[in-house]
Structure formats: structure tokens, C-alpha cells
Amino acid sequence: MNQPLMPKATAVWLIDNTALTFEQIADFCSLHILEVKGIADGDVDHGIRGADQLPQVN
């Protein structure tokens, strides 16, 4: 499976903008589920801004 270019920024965006579970986000971004939970709680990588990895179509 292809991985996002910025997995942690993508995880932040998915946490903020979707109803996906932490497990689904971890699988998609190739991160450990505890890392995703830490990002959501603000304990891990608290300075990363979310990045939408979907192409913008006008």
C-alpha cells in the first residue's frame, strides 16, 4: 500500500476532520496506534499542523 508523504501531518488532519478510528488512521498512515492516540491527546508531536493529502480539484 502507498503511504502518505507526511504521515504525522496526515494523521493530524484525519483526526481533526474525519470520524475514522485511531486504528484506521494508524493503518493508513503506517503509524503505531499509541502514536496516533498521543497525537490526538496532544502529547506527541503537538506542533504539527494537519495536511490534507487529497488533491484539490477546482
Protein backbone atom coordinates (compact mmCIF):
# COMPACT_ATOMS: atom_id res chain seq x y z
CA MET A 1 0.00 0.00 0.00
CA ASN A 2 1.21 3.53 -0.74
CA GLN A 3 2.00 5.72 2.23
CA PRO A 4 1.27 9.44 2.60
CA LEU A 5 4.29 11.73 2.15
CA MET A 6 3.77 13.31 5.57
CA PRO A 7 2.23 10.57 7.75
CA LYS A 8 2.06 12.53 11.02
CA ALA A 9 0.60 15.65 9.39
CA THR A 10 -1.88 13.43 7.58
CA ALA A 11 -2.80 11.75 10.88
CA VAL A 12 -3.42 15.16 12.47
CA TRP A 13 -5.69 16.15 9.57
CA LEU A 14 -7.59 12.84 9.72
CA ILE A 15 -8.08 13.15 13.49
CA ASP A 16 -9.43 16.69 13.12
CA ASN A 17 -11.59 16.20 10.02
CA THR A 18 -12.89 12.63 9.90
CA ALA A 19 -14.69 10.08 12.03
CA LEU A 20 -12.10 7.38 11.41
CA THR A 21 -10.93 5.34 14.38
CA PHE A 22 -7.39 5.63 15.70
CA GLU A 23 -6.73 2.12 14.40
CA GLN A 24 -7.86 3.07 10.88
CA ILE A 25 -5.71 6.21 10.93
CA ALA A 26 -2.71 4.24 12.22
CA ASP A 27 -3.10 1.65 9.46
CA PHE A 28 -3.47 4.29 6.74
CA CYS A 29 -0.52 6.39 7.93
CA SER A 30 1.69 3.41 8.90
CA LEU A 31 1.96 4.66 12.48
CA HIS A 32 1.57 2.81 15.77
CA ILE A 33 -1.90 3.20 17.29
CA LEU A 34 -0.41 4.61 20.52
CA GLU A 35 1.34 7.29 18.48
CA VAL A 36 -1.99 8.25 16.89
CA LYS A 37 -3.63 8.38 20.33
CA GLY A 38 -0.78 10.56 21.58
CA ILE A 39 -1.19 12.92 18.63
CA ALA A 40 -4.92 13.17 19.34
CA ASP A 41 -4.27 13.88 23.04
CA GLY A 42 -1.62 16.48 22.22
CA ASP A 43 1.12 14.54 23.99
CA VAL A 44 3.06 13.63 20.84
CA ASP A 45 4.09 15.96 18.02
CA HIS A 46 1.95 18.81 19.31
CA GLY A 47 3.47 21.35 16.88
CA ILE A 48 2.50 19.60 13.65
CA ARG A 49 -0.20 21.19 11.50
CA GLY A 50 -2.60 18.89 9.69
CA ALA A 51 -2.12 18.40 5.95
CA ASP A 52 -4.82 17.21 3.58
CA GLN A 53 -3.25 14.66 1.24
CA LEU A 54 -6.14 14.65 -1.21
CA PRO A 55 -5.67 16.57 -4.46
CA GLN A 56 -7.72 19.74 -4.68
CA VAL A 57 -9.99 19.85 -7.73
CA ASN A 58 -11.40 23.20 -8.79
